[in-house]
Amino acid sequence: MAAFPEELPIEMLGEVLAGAAEATREAGAILAGGHTIRDDEPKYGLAVVGTVHPDGVWRKSGAQPGDVVMLTKPLGTGLVLQAERDEGAPDGALAATIRSMTELNRDAADTLRAFTPNAVTDVTGFGLLGHAHETAQRSGVHIALEAGRLPALPGAVELAAAGVRTGGDRRNRDFAGPHVESTAATELEALAYDPQTSGGLLVTLPRDRRVLLEAAFAAAGLPLHHVGNVEEGSGVALA
């Protein structure tokens, strides 16, 4: 679905459609058609239809005590984009954020698949803490996240310390906050609540597979971060 104002240069519309088609092909899918309408502001989105074997589905409900919690992309897209809209993000921050957002999770998922993770979800609009809460709640476990281990996009922590926030930050606190116990610094807590656009994978798997998984990601040239552990109990902790 594409919605564009008539005042937008036709060349820009062509670039959006061409970029989407290229990313779709890179993901191994086929762009089969769509619909375009006039609107006051540009919008573009895709509906994905596909099939998967029932045994190949990754669920967020399978985390087990003793698992490690891994993250495949840095956090902070919302903070950087909000700063850019307001008055400009620090030099290089926007470019790094765009690179992260345009990186598919395909290679990370392909590398991860052989290690049979217990729980997997992507970190998007609910932020790290929102998606960790969903995983903990549905798995019947406690997830302990280490604030000092959270990977951040360039400039994101500094922007959070300066007070930059998105509207999604407040909504994520309303959603997940009652289930989160945090003793982290204010800026790192904001990073963990920050809504992500095209965030990475949040993964739990048995601790004894961590070293091999890290080696596989390193060999593939992919980032991977150990950000916490799964324990008995309920809720989420950020410390």
Protein backbone atom coordinates (compact mmCIF):
# COMPACT_ATOMS: atom_id res chain seq x y z
CA MET A 1 0.00 0.00 0.00
CA ALA A 2 1.46 3.34 -1.07
CA ALA A 3 0.00 6.74 -0.13
CA PHE A 4 1.62 9.87 -1.55
CA PRO A 5 0.77 13.57 -1.88
CA GLU A 6 0.54 14.78 -5.45
CA GLU A 7 3.09 17.50 -4.63
CA LEU A 8 5.79 14.89 -4.00
CA PRO A 9 8.25 14.66 -6.93
CA ILE A 10 7.49 11.64 -9.08
CA GLU A 11 11.19 10.73 -8.95
CA MET A 12 10.98 10.32 -5.17
CA LEU A 13 7.98 8.04 -5.54
CA GLY A 14 9.93 5.96 -8.04
CA GLU A 15 12.88 5.67 -5.63
CA VAL A 16 10.61 4.50 -2.79
CA LEU A 17 8.97 1.84 -4.96
CA ALA A 18 12.29 0.71 -6.44
CA GLY A 19 13.93 0.50 -3.00
CA ALA A 20 11.05 -1.54 -1.62
CA ALA A 21 11.18 -3.92 -4.56
CA GLU A 22 14.94 -4.38 -4.11
CA ALA A 23 14.59 -5.10 -0.37
CA THR A 24 11.76 -7.55 -1.05
CA ARG A 25 13.88 -9.47 -3.54
CA GLU A 26 16.81 -9.47 -1.09
CA ALA A 27 14.52 -11.05 1.49
CA GLY A 28 13.64 -13.82 -0.96
CA ALA A 29 10.07 -12.68 -1.56
CA ILE A 30 8.10 -11.56 -4.59
CA LEU A 31 6.32 -8.21 -4.76
CA ALA A 32 3.08 -9.32 -6.34
CA GLY A 33 1.16 -6.05 -6.63
CA GLY A 34 -0.37 -3.25 -4.65
CA HIS A 35 -2.52 -0.15 -4.51
CA THR A 36 -1.62 3.54 -4.55
CA ILE A 37 -3.73 6.38 -3.19
CA ARG A 38 -3.39 10.14 -2.70
CA ASP A 39 -2.68 11.33 0.83
CA ASP A 40 -1.43 14.41 2.64
CA GLU A 41 1.76 12.67 3.77
CA PRO A 42 3.78 9.84 2.23
CA LYS A 43 3.24 6.33 3.56
CA TYR A 44 4.42 2.95 2.33
CA GLY A 45 3.86 -0.52 3.73
CA LEU A 46 3.76 -4.18 2.77
CA ALA A 47 1.53 -7.09 3.74
CA VAL A 48 3.48 -10.35 3.86
CA VAL A 49 1.88 -13.68 2.97
CA GLY A 50 3.79 -16.94 3.23
CA THR A 51 3.93 -20.48 4.56
CA VAL A 52 6.11 -22.14 7.18
CA HIS A 53 6.30 -25.70 8.47
CA PRO A 54 4.75 -25.95 11.96
CA ASP A 55 8.03 -27.32 13.31
CA GLY A 56 9.87 -24.29 11.92
CA VAL A 57 7.92 -21.63 13.78
CA TRP A 58 9.89 -19.63 16.35
CA ARG A 59 7.76 -18.59 19.31
CA LYS A 60 8.35 -16.11 22.11
CA SER A 61 6.82 -18.50 24.64
CA GLY A 62 9.63 -21.04 24.97
CA ALA A 63 12.28 -19.31 27.11
CA GLN A 64 13.70 -21.60 29.82
CA PRO A 65 15.49 -20.85 33.11
CA GLY A 66 19.21 -21.11 32.45
CA ASP A 67 18.95 -19.62 28.94
CA VAL A 68 21.08 -16.68 27.89
CA VAL A 69 19.40 -13.68 26.27
CA MET A 70 20.99 -12.45 23.04
CA LEU A 71 20.30 -9.44 20.82
CA THR A 72 21.35 -9.07 17.19
CA LYS A 73 21.08 -5.30 16.59
CA PRO A 74 21.87 -2.16 18.60
CA LEU A 75 19.08 -0.08 20.12
CA GLY A 76 18.13 3.57 19.75
CA THR A 77 16.44 4.09 16.38
CA GLY A 78 13.55 5.99 17.95
CA LEU A 79 15.86 8.30 19.89
CA VAL A 80 17.99 9.16 16.87
CA LEU A 81 15.04 9.70 14.54
CA GLN A 82 13.26 11.88 17.11
CA ALA A 83 16.39 13.99 17.54
CA GLU A 84 16.72 14.34 13.78
CA ARG A 85 13.11 15.53 13.54
CA ASP A 86 13.56 17.99 16.39
CA GLU A 87 16.88 19.68 15.74
CA GLY A 88 19.33 17.23 14.26
CA ALA A 89 21.05 14.13 15.56
CA PRO A 90 24.81 14.06 16.25
CA ASP A 91 27.09 13.68 13.25
CA GLY A 92 26.97 10.16 11.85
CA ALA A 93 24.09 9.00 14.06
CA LEU A 94 21.39 9.18 11.39
CA ALA A 95 23.53 7.36 8.81
CA ALA A 96 24.32 4.57 11.28
CA THR A 97 20.64 4.30 12.19
CA ILE A 98 19.60 4.02 8.55
CA ARG A 99 22.20 1.31 7.98
CA SER A 100 20.81 -0.65 10.92
CA MET A 101 17.19 -0.23 9.86
CA THR A 102 17.89 -1.32 6.29
CA GLU A 103 19.78 -4.45 7.37
CA LEU A 104 17.53 -7.47 7.04
CA ASN A 105 17.25 -9.99 9.88
CA ARG A 106 17.55 -12.74 7.27
CA ASP A 107 21.25 -13.52 7.74
CA ALA A 108 20.96 -13.44 11.53
CA ALA A 109 17.97 -15.79 11.36
CA ASP A 110 19.74 -18.16 8.97
CA THR A 111 22.78 -18.30 11.26
CA LEU A 112 20.63 -18.79 14.35
CA ARG A 113 18.45 -21.56 12.92
CA ALA A 114 20.98 -24.37 13.40
CA PHE A 115 21.18 -23.66 17.15
CA THR A 116 17.49 -24.40 17.86
CA PRO A 117 16.72 -21.39 20.08
CA ASN A 118 14.06 -21.72 22.76
CA ALA A 119 12.43 -18.33 22.14
CA VAL A 120 12.77 -15.70 19.43
CA THR A 121 11.03 -12.40 18.73
CA ASP A 122 11.98 -9.21 16.95
CA VAL A 123 12.45 -5.96 18.84
CA THR A 124 10.17 -3.38 17.25
CA GLY A 125 7.62 -0.87 18.52
CA PHE A 126 7.35 -2.17 22.10
CA GLY A 127 11.09 -1.65 22.65
CA LEU A 128 13.45 -4.14 24.28
CA LEU A 129 11.62 -4.10 27.60
CA GLY A 130 8.21 -4.53 26.02
CA HIS A 131 9.27 -7.52 23.99
CA ALA A 132 11.24 -8.99 26.90
CA HIS A 133 8.09 -8.65 29.02
CA GLU A 134 6.05 -10.50 26.39
CA THR A 135 8.64 -13.27 26.26
CA ALA A 136 8.87 -13.58 30.05
CA GLN A 137 5.10 -13.53 30.54
CA ARG A 138 4.32 -16.07 27.85
CA SER A 139 7.17 -18.35 28.91
CA GLY A 140 6.45 -18.17 32.65
CA VAL A 141 9.99 -17.01 33.49
CA HIS A 142 11.96 -14.02 34.78
CA ILE A 143 14.26 -12.20 32.36
CA ALA A 144 17.20 -10.31 33.91
CA LEU A 145 18.72 -7.76 31.53
CA GLU A 146 22.08 -6.08 32.16
CA ALA A 147 21.89 -2.39 31.31
CA GLY A 148 25.65 -2.13 30.85
CA ARG A 149 25.55 -4.75 28.11
CA LEU A 150 22.88 -3.09 25.97
CA PRO A 151 24.26 -2.21 22.52
CA ALA A 152 23.40 1.30 21.36
CA LEU A 153 23.51 3.14 18.05
CA PRO A 154 25.96 6.06 17.90
CA GLY A 155 24.58 9.03 19.80
CA ALA A 156 21.56 7.19 21.21
CA VAL A 157 22.64 7.08 24.87
CA GLU A 158 23.79 10.70 24.78
CA LEU A 159 20.46 11.77 23.30
CA ALA A 160 18.58 9.83 25.98
CA ALA A 161 20.70 11.50 28.68
CA ALA A 162 19.82 14.87 27.15
CA GLY A 163 16.13 14.12 27.58
CA VAL A 164 15.13 13.08 24.06
CA ARG A 165 12.09 10.80 24.08
CA THR A 166 9.47 9.58 21.62
CA GLY A 167 5.74 9.22 22.15
CA GLY A 168 6.32 5.47 22.05
CA ASP A 169 8.53 5.69 25.15
CA ARG A 170 5.56 6.71 27.29
CA ARG A 171 3.26 4.08 25.78
CA ASN A 172 5.89 1.37 26.27
CA ARG A 173 6.27 2.33 29.93
CA ASP A 174 2.50 2.15 30.34
CA PHE A 175 2.49 -1.30 28.75
CA ALA A 176 5.58 -2.96 30.21
CA GLY A 177 6.48 -0.75 33.16
CA PRO A 178 4.25 -2.53 35.72
CA HIS A 179 6.17 -5.74 34.97
CA VAL A 180 9.68 -4.23 34.93
CA GLU A 181 11.95 -3.61 37.93
CA SER A 182 14.68 -1.18 36.92
CA THR A 183 17.67 0.17 38.81
CA ALA A 184 19.44 1.24 35.62
CA ALA A 185 20.59 4.75 34.84
CA THR A 186 17.84 6.92 33.37
CA GLU A 187 19.40 7.05 29.90
CA LEU A 188 19.88 3.27 29.70
CA GLU A 189 16.33 2.70 30.87
CA ALA A 190 15.15 5.04 28.10
CA LEU A 191 17.25 3.09 25.60
CA ALA A 192 15.54 -0.13 26.70
CA TYR A 193 12.05 1.40 26.39
CA ASP A 194 12.83 3.09 23.06
CA PRO A 195 10.55 1.86 20.23
CA GLN A 196 12.58 0.37 17.40
CA THR A 197 12.08 0.49 13.65
CA SER A 198 13.41 -2.69 12.04
CA GLY A 199 15.10 -3.82 15.23
CA GLY A 200 17.04 -7.02 15.72
CA LEU A 201 16.16 -10.44 17.07
CA LEU A 202 15.76 -11.08 20.79
CA VAL A 203 16.81 -14.69 21.38
CA THR A 204 17.00 -17.09 24.32
CA LEU A 205 18.83 -20.40 24.11
CA PRO A 206 20.66 -22.78 26.45
CA ARG A 207 23.80 -21.29 27.97
CA ASP A 208 26.05 -24.05 26.64
CA ARG A 209 25.29 -22.98 23.05
CA ARG A 210 26.31 -19.37 23.56
CA VAL A 211 30.00 -19.65 22.66
CA LEU A 212 29.32 -21.58 19.47
CA LEU A 213 26.56 -19.15 18.49
CA GLU A 214 28.87 -16.19 19.04
CA ALA A 215 31.52 -17.87 16.93
CA ALA A 216 29.03 -18.54 14.13
CA PHE A 217 27.86 -14.92 14.13
CA ALA A 218 31.44 -13.65 14.17
CA ALA A 219 32.34 -15.90 11.24
CA ALA A 220 29.37 -14.52 9.32
CA GLY A 221 30.37 -10.94 10.15
CA LEU A 222 27.16 -10.36 12.12
CA PRO A 223 26.76 -8.53 15.45
CA LEU A 224 25.52 -10.46 18.48
CA HIS A 225 25.24 -9.23 22.06
CA HIS A 226 24.70 -11.12 25.31
CA VAL A 227 22.31 -8.83 27.20
CA GLY A 228 20.93 -10.98 30.00
CA ASN A 229 19.77 -14.29 31.38
CA VAL A 230 16.55 -16.22 31.95
CA GLU A 231 15.76 -17.22 35.52
CA GLU A 232 12.99 -18.81 37.56
CA GLY A 233 10.21 -16.40 38.46
CA SER A 234 8.30 -13.75 36.56
CA GLY A 235 8.66 -10.26 35.19
CA VAL A 236 11.71 -8.41 33.85
CA ALA A 237 14.63 -6.75 35.62
CA LEU A 238 16.98 -4.14 34.20
CA ALA A 239 20.02 -3.51 36.35
